[in-house]
Every structure is written in C-alpha cells, then in structure tokens.
Amino acid sequence: MREWTVGLQDAGFRLDVFLAGCLKGEQSRSQLQKTIREGDVLVNGAPASVHYSTKTGDVITMKVFEIEVSRPLAESVDLDVRYEDDDCLVVYKPAGLVVHPAPGNPSGTLVNALLGHVKNLAEVGSAERPGIVHRLDKDTSGLLVVAKNKQAHANLSKQFKDHTIDRVYYAVVRGIVQHDEGKCEEPVGRAFVNKKKVMVKPTGGKDALTFFKVLKRFNNASFVEVRLQTGRTHQIRVHFQHMGHPVYGDSVYGYPSRLIGRQALHAAVLGFDHPRTGKFIHVKSDMPEDMQKLLKHLETEEA
C-alpha cells in the first residue's frame, strides 16, 4: 500500500488528479480512474469516487501491484569523459541527453552509456540509476560526477547531502539584473497541480539557496555566474523566474527563444573531495557552442 496525507496546498483537487500528481507519471489518468473505480483507492479508510474532491487532512491509501523494475541496459552511446579513476568519473552531458531511463526515454541515456563504459556499474546505487549521485535537466549541459563503486557512491552522495560540492553554472537570463551580486533563498517545492514543475513555496517548500554574480549586461538580458548551495530540482530556473529573470530559452518557466533551442544554462565547474583519498578534484567545462552564439548575438545587438 502507498499512503498520502492531503496538505493545505493539495486540497480541492479531484482524486485522480491528486494521485496523478503524487505518482509523477507512474500511471496514466485513465489507469488511476480504473484503479479508483475498482475500489483499490481508499479515502480515510473507505472507497471513494473518481470525482471526490480532496480535503486537508484526508488520508489516501492506494493498493500497489508490484511491477518488476526494468533495469537499463548497456548501450554504445558516445561518452565525453573529463576525469576518471578507479572510484569515480566526471562526464560532460550535452543538452538534449537524458541522464537516466524514464517513461518516454527508455534508452539512449547517459546511464546506458555509463553501463557500457564502467564494469559492474549495475551494482552501484539503485537499479534504475546506477552510479548516479546527482542529475542535470535534459536541456541543461555540463558536468556530472558518477560513482564507480558502492563506497564512492555513499561518499559522494553524502557530500551532495551536506552541500559541500562546488557547483558553478553559467546562465543567460532575460532582463537586466540590477544587483552585481546577490542571492535567492526562497524555499521551493512541487507545483500544486503539475507535479513535474517546481515553484517557490514559502510554506511547505524545501530550503534552497542560490548565489549569483552578473558577468555582463546586454540591452535586455544578463549573463550570470551561479553557485548552488543546495541542489533542488529546477532550482536555478525557478529562482531566476521568481526574481523576474527567467533563463533564456526556458519554455517551462519562461518562454522559448529563436536564438537558442533550450534553456541557456550550463554546469561549468564541479569540485568535490575524492571519495577515497580526500584530494580535491576540480573540473571545468567551456560553454557549449549554442550558448556562445547566443552571447555573440546579444553583443551584436548592442553594437
């Protein structure tokens, strides 16, 4: 059984809509409606209608049928390795590459490539995300560190949890950022209806801290360096949207651009203590061509 308690922000939704948000794509709305009609979803211990409107404090339980986890397979996918030893590796993920298999992206992911590159990686971490200790959004480019054994996985995971990893991003955002330096520390959490999106949540959100420094200002855009203290889902994108400066080309939290086909966000620097020796490892990555072209275009507009 799986169980959820309805919070204040999640009250007032149809039962199937609420469950769809909680399950984040694990089942379709039609599958959930069928499950509810068959009596496998209880609200406060009793069966309920698909049309039931959730109330604060409701305890919702759902019978779960075990489904065998499909393990990702090793594939011949190009892998751009920037650092590697017996314990870990740092890879460059281009924009457009998904980190791990998920509904809609069953293969051709970074994990599939890693399984073909690292012997016995399938035994490290979870079955669905072997070796993975952090992620980048599909349309964000840049560096990721991957664990090659269980000890490294535990150590690196703790460094991320303790917020000791050095992570520097470059972003082009819309509008003129007024302060040369600053921070955003608004809590973030899943959006109320579309659970695939994130929003600033002063109440019920998770702590999130983003530091930024303006590197260059254009007519109606700013080039910024961003440092993450925490690493929440979509944190940079949501914080800059909240500040009124959505990331250029971000069609989810801003709007698309004809100048770049994805959000102009690049994970440029990754620094961490080596999981076995403790030596500080520092890896840098130049900005990809599409972001360089965007900056050149913005500079040309000023001329």
Protein backbone atom coordinates (compact mmCIF):
# COMPACT_ATOMS: atom_id res chain seq x y z
CA MET A 1 0.00 0.00 0.00
CA ARG A 2 1.03 3.59 -0.57
CA GLU A 3 -0.28 6.39 1.61
CA TRP A 4 -0.51 10.18 1.38
CA THR A 5 -1.93 12.83 3.69
CA VAL A 6 -3.50 15.78 1.88
CA GLY A 7 -1.86 19.07 2.80
CA LEU A 8 -3.42 22.52 2.64
CA GLN A 9 -1.97 23.20 -0.82
CA ASP A 10 -3.30 19.93 -2.26
CA ALA A 11 -6.91 20.28 -1.09
CA GLY A 12 -9.68 20.78 -3.62
CA PHE A 13 -8.40 18.51 -6.39
CA ARG A 14 -10.23 15.59 -7.97
CA LEU A 15 -8.98 12.31 -6.53
CA ASP A 16 -7.49 11.08 -9.82
CA VAL A 17 -5.75 14.44 -10.39
CA PHE A 18 -4.27 14.36 -6.88
CA LEU A 19 -2.95 10.83 -7.38
CA ALA A 20 -1.53 11.65 -10.81
CA GLY A 21 0.47 14.44 -9.19
CA CYS A 22 1.72 12.21 -6.39
CA LEU A 23 2.76 9.41 -8.71
CA LYS A 24 4.56 11.73 -11.17
CA GLY A 25 3.79 9.80 -14.34
CA GLU A 26 3.95 6.26 -12.94
CA GLN A 27 0.36 5.70 -14.10
CA SER A 28 -1.87 7.49 -16.59
CA ARG A 29 -5.05 9.28 -15.50
CA SER A 30 -7.16 6.57 -17.16
CA GLN A 31 -5.28 3.85 -15.25
CA LEU A 32 -5.80 5.72 -12.00
CA GLN A 33 -9.51 6.19 -12.68
CA LYS A 34 -9.82 2.43 -13.27
CA THR A 35 -7.95 1.72 -10.02
CA ILE A 36 -10.27 4.06 -8.09
CA ARG A 37 -13.42 2.52 -9.61
CA GLU A 38 -12.19 -0.97 -8.68
CA GLY A 39 -12.00 0.11 -5.03
CA ASP A 40 -8.22 -0.03 -4.71
CA VAL A 41 -8.02 3.59 -3.51
CA LEU A 42 -9.37 4.48 -0.07
CA VAL A 43 -10.03 7.92 1.41
CA ASN A 44 -9.99 7.81 5.21
CA GLY A 45 -10.45 4.05 5.03
CA ALA A 46 -13.41 3.99 2.62
CA PRO A 47 -13.69 3.69 -1.18
CA ALA A 48 -14.30 6.99 -2.97
CA SER A 49 -15.43 8.27 -6.34
CA VAL A 50 -13.08 9.48 -9.05
CA HIS A 51 -14.83 12.85 -8.66
CA TYR A 52 -14.12 13.09 -4.92
CA SER A 53 -12.59 16.46 -4.02
CA THR A 54 -9.63 16.18 -1.65
CA LYS A 55 -9.78 17.87 1.75
CA THR A 56 -6.97 18.92 4.06
CA GLY A 57 -6.10 16.05 6.38
CA ASP A 58 -7.53 13.30 4.17
CA VAL A 59 -5.52 10.08 4.37
CA ILE A 60 -5.46 8.45 0.96
CA THR A 61 -4.20 4.89 0.52
CA MET A 62 -3.70 3.04 -2.72
CA LYS A 63 -3.14 -0.65 -3.34
CA VAL A 64 0.05 -1.09 -5.34
CA PHE A 65 0.66 -4.04 -7.60
CA GLU A 66 4.32 -4.97 -7.76
CA ILE A 67 5.88 -4.34 -11.13
CA GLU A 68 9.29 -5.75 -11.95
CA VAL A 69 11.81 -2.96 -12.33
CA SER A 70 13.23 -2.81 -15.84
CA ARG A 71 16.98 -2.45 -15.49
CA PRO A 72 18.67 -0.20 -18.04
CA LEU A 73 20.98 -1.94 -20.49
CA ALA A 74 24.49 -1.10 -21.60
CA GLU A 75 24.49 0.69 -24.94
CA SER A 76 27.06 2.10 -27.30
CA VAL A 77 26.40 5.79 -26.66
CA ASP A 78 29.15 8.39 -27.01
CA LEU A 79 30.55 9.40 -23.63
CA ASP A 80 32.64 12.52 -23.09
CA VAL A 81 34.83 11.74 -20.05
CA ARG A 82 36.64 14.71 -18.47
CA TYR A 83 38.15 12.89 -15.45
CA GLU A 84 38.32 9.24 -14.43
CA ASP A 85 39.99 6.93 -11.91
CA ASP A 86 39.08 3.66 -10.18
CA ASP A 87 36.44 5.28 -7.96
CA CYS A 88 34.65 7.92 -9.99
CA LEU A 89 34.45 9.76 -13.26
CA VAL A 90 33.29 13.18 -14.38
CA VAL A 91 31.43 13.30 -17.68
CA TYR A 92 30.15 16.08 -19.87
CA LYS A 93 26.44 15.81 -20.63
CA PRO A 94 25.35 17.70 -23.73
CA ALA A 95 21.97 19.42 -23.83
CA GLY A 96 19.27 17.04 -25.05
CA LEU A 97 20.70 13.94 -23.37
CA VAL A 98 18.58 12.43 -20.58
CA VAL A 99 20.53 11.25 -17.53
CA HIS A 100 18.63 8.02 -16.84
CA PRO A 101 15.82 6.00 -18.45
CA ALA A 102 12.26 7.09 -17.68
CA PRO A 103 8.84 6.84 -19.33
CA GLY A 104 9.31 8.25 -22.82
CA ASN A 105 13.10 7.80 -22.69
CA PRO A 106 13.76 4.07 -22.21
CA SER A 107 17.19 4.03 -23.87
CA GLY A 108 19.91 6.21 -25.33
CA THR A 109 20.51 7.90 -21.96
CA LEU A 110 23.67 8.77 -20.07
CA VAL A 111 23.14 5.76 -17.80
CA ASN A 112 23.02 3.42 -20.80
CA ALA A 113 26.35 4.86 -21.95
CA LEU A 114 27.86 4.56 -18.47
CA LEU A 115 26.84 0.90 -18.20
CA GLY A 116 28.76 0.27 -21.41
CA HIS A 117 31.80 2.12 -20.07
CA VAL A 118 32.08 1.03 -16.41
CA LYS A 119 32.32 -2.64 -15.46
CA ASN A 120 29.86 -3.75 -12.75
CA LEU A 121 28.22 -0.30 -12.58
CA ALA A 122 24.81 -2.00 -12.37
CA GLU A 123 25.70 -2.99 -8.77
CA VAL A 124 26.28 0.63 -7.68
CA GLY A 125 23.31 2.61 -6.36
CA SER A 126 19.74 1.97 -7.48
CA ALA A 127 18.79 -0.42 -10.26
CA GLU A 128 17.25 2.37 -12.33
CA ARG A 129 20.06 4.92 -11.80
CA PRO A 130 23.33 3.02 -11.31
CA GLY A 131 26.25 5.25 -10.33
CA ILE A 132 24.18 8.43 -10.35
CA VAL A 133 24.57 10.76 -7.35
CA HIS A 134 23.11 13.94 -8.90
CA ARG A 135 21.38 14.98 -12.10
CA LEU A 136 21.10 17.69 -14.70
CA ASP A 137 17.91 18.53 -16.56
CA LYS A 138 17.67 17.13 -20.07
CA ASP A 139 18.21 20.54 -21.69
CA THR A 140 20.96 21.69 -19.32
CA SER A 141 24.52 20.99 -20.47
CA GLY A 142 27.54 20.40 -18.30
CA LEU A 143 29.43 18.24 -15.83
CA LEU A 144 28.29 15.32 -13.67
CA VAL A 145 30.28 13.14 -11.30
CA VAL A 146 29.48 9.42 -11.33
CA ALA A 147 30.40 6.82 -8.70
CA LYS A 148 32.05 3.60 -9.89
CA ASN A 149 31.70 1.59 -6.67
CA LYS A 150 29.47 1.44 -3.61
CA GLN A 151 31.91 3.23 -1.29
CA ALA A 152 32.30 6.11 -3.73
CA HIS A 153 28.53 6.28 -4.20
CA ALA A 154 27.94 6.59 -0.44
CA ASN A 155 30.70 9.18 -0.02
CA LEU A 156 29.69 11.38 -2.95
CA SER A 157 26.01 11.16 -2.02
CA LYS A 158 26.89 12.43 1.46
CA GLN A 159 28.89 15.34 0.01
CA PHE A 160 25.86 16.40 -2.01
CA LYS A 161 23.60 15.97 1.01
CA ASP A 162 25.99 18.08 3.13
CA HIS A 163 26.15 20.78 0.40
CA THR A 164 29.96 20.65 0.23
CA ILE A 165 30.19 20.15 -3.54
CA ASP A 166 31.41 23.17 -5.52
CA ARG A 167 28.99 23.75 -8.40
CA VAL A 168 29.22 26.72 -10.74
CA TYR A 169 26.79 27.34 -13.59
CA TYR A 170 26.67 29.93 -16.35
CA ALA A 171 23.27 31.22 -17.45
CA VAL A 172 21.82 33.84 -19.74
CA VAL A 173 18.68 35.30 -18.22
CA ARG A 174 16.10 37.73 -19.54
CA GLY A 175 16.10 41.35 -18.42
CA ILE A 176 18.66 43.49 -16.64
CA VAL A 177 19.69 42.04 -13.28
CA GLN A 178 20.19 45.18 -11.20
CA HIS A 179 22.50 43.95 -8.42
CA ASP A 180 26.05 42.94 -9.32
CA GLU A 181 25.86 40.11 -6.82
CA GLY A 182 23.10 38.59 -4.77
CA LYS A 183 21.29 35.51 -3.61
CA CYS A 184 17.85 33.93 -3.63
CA GLU A 185 16.90 31.78 -0.66
CA GLU A 186 13.21 31.12 -1.32
CA PRO A 187 12.06 27.57 -0.48
CA VAL A 188 10.95 25.53 -3.47
CA GLY A 189 8.63 22.56 -3.93
CA ARG A 190 6.46 20.73 -6.40
CA ALA A 191 3.75 22.80 -8.06
CA PHE A 192 0.23 22.22 -6.76
CA VAL A 193 -1.28 20.78 -9.94
CA ASN A 194 1.54 19.97 -12.38
CA LYS A 195 3.87 17.94 -10.19
CA LYS A 196 6.53 17.89 -12.90
CA LYS A 197 7.04 21.61 -12.30
CA VAL A 198 8.56 23.33 -9.31
CA MET A 199 7.61 26.64 -7.74
CA VAL A 200 8.64 28.93 -4.90
CA LYS A 201 6.81 27.66 -1.79
CA PRO A 202 7.27 29.86 1.30
CA THR A 203 5.20 27.32 3.23
CA GLY A 204 5.93 23.64 2.79
CA GLY A 205 8.86 24.06 0.41
CA LYS A 206 12.42 22.79 0.84
CA ASP A 207 15.24 25.16 1.71
CA ALA A 208 17.03 26.39 -1.40
CA LEU A 209 19.94 28.82 -1.70
CA THR A 210 21.28 30.24 -4.96
CA PHE A 211 24.12 32.78 -5.23
CA PHE A 212 24.68 34.79 -8.40
CA LYS A 213 27.10 37.31 -9.88
CA VAL A 214 26.45 39.35 -13.02
CA LEU A 215 29.26 38.92 -15.57
CA LYS A 216 27.80 41.08 -18.34
CA ARG A 217 24.62 43.03 -19.07
CA PHE A 218 23.04 43.44 -22.51
CA ASN A 219 20.10 45.51 -23.79
CA ASN A 220 17.53 43.16 -22.31
CA ALA A 221 19.47 40.20 -20.95
CA SER A 222 22.16 39.37 -18.40
CA PHE A 223 24.97 36.82 -18.36
CA VAL A 224 25.37 35.44 -14.84
CA GLU A 225 27.55 33.08 -12.86
CA VAL A 226 25.52 30.97 -10.44
CA ARG A 227 26.67 28.95 -7.43
CA LEU A 228 24.42 26.40 -5.78
CA GLN A 229 24.43 25.87 -2.04
CA THR A 230 21.57 23.40 -2.35
CA GLY A 231 20.60 21.37 -5.40
CA ARG A 232 16.82 21.24 -5.61
CA THR A 233 15.04 20.21 -8.79
CA HIS A 234 15.00 23.12 -11.29
CA GLN A 235 16.38 25.38 -8.54
CA ILE A 236 18.23 27.90 -10.73
CA ARG A 237 15.41 28.11 -13.26
CA VAL A 238 12.73 28.63 -10.60
CA HIS A 239 14.73 31.12 -8.54
CA PHE A 240 15.51 33.31 -11.55
CA GLN A 241 11.88 33.13 -12.68
CA HIS A 242 10.89 34.26 -9.19
CA MET A 243 13.31 37.20 -9.44
CA GLY A 244 11.71 38.22 -12.73
CA HIS A 245 14.59 37.00 -14.89
CA PRO A 246 13.72 33.59 -16.39
CA VAL A 247 16.54 31.72 -18.08
CA TYR A 248 16.75 32.50 -21.79
CA GLY A 249 15.02 29.83 -23.89
CA ASP A 250 13.33 28.14 -20.91
CA SER A 251 9.94 27.15 -22.30
CA VAL A 252 8.73 25.80 -18.92
CA TYR A 253 9.50 28.70 -16.57
CA GLY A 254 9.81 31.45 -19.17
CA TYR A 255 9.28 31.23 -22.90
CA PRO A 256 11.15 29.85 -25.92
CA SER A 257 13.68 31.82 -27.95
CA ARG A 258 14.52 31.71 -31.64
CA LEU A 259 18.16 32.28 -30.64
CA ILE A 260 18.64 29.05 -28.68
CA GLY A 261 16.67 25.82 -28.69
CA ARG A 262 16.84 25.10 -24.95
CA GLN A 263 17.39 26.87 -21.64
CA ALA A 264 20.70 28.77 -21.67
CA LEU A 265 22.10 27.01 -18.60
CA HIS A 266 25.46 25.24 -18.35
CA ALA A 267 27.07 23.38 -15.43
CA ALA A 268 30.62 24.67 -15.94
CA VAL A 269 32.51 23.74 -12.76
CA LEU A 270 32.38 20.73 -10.47
CA GLY A 271 34.58 20.43 -7.39
CA PHE A 272 34.49 17.65 -4.79
CA ASP A 273 36.65 15.71 -2.35
CA HIS A 274 37.82 12.45 -3.87
CA PRO A 275 35.68 9.70 -2.26
CA ARG A 276 38.73 7.59 -1.29
CA THR A 277 41.77 9.87 -0.99
CA GLY A 278 40.06 13.10 0.07
CA LYS A 279 42.03 15.04 -2.55
CA PHE A 280 40.05 17.95 -4.00
CA ILE A 281 39.07 17.30 -7.62
CA HIS A 282 38.23 20.35 -9.71
CA VAL A 283 36.90 20.03 -13.28
CA LYS A 284 35.91 22.82 -15.66
CA SER A 285 33.95 22.82 -18.91
CA ASP A 286 33.80 25.55 -21.54
CA MET A 287 30.40 26.85 -22.57
CA PRO A 288 28.85 24.95 -25.47
CA GLU A 289 28.60 26.46 -28.92
CA ASP A 290 24.89 27.32 -28.74
CA MET A 291 25.37 29.49 -25.65
CA GLN A 292 28.46 31.14 -27.12
CA LYS A 293 26.45 32.01 -30.24
CA LEU A 294 23.66 33.44 -28.08
CA LEU A 295 26.12 35.70 -26.26
CA LYS A 296 27.67 36.86 -29.53
CA HIS A 297 24.20 37.69 -30.90
CA LEU A 298 23.35 39.69 -27.78
CA GLU A 299 26.65 41.57 -28.08
CA THR A 300 25.95 42.31 -31.76
CA GLU A 301 22.54 43.75 -30.89
CA GLU A 302 24.31 46.26 -28.65
CA ALA A 303 26.78 47.38 -31.31
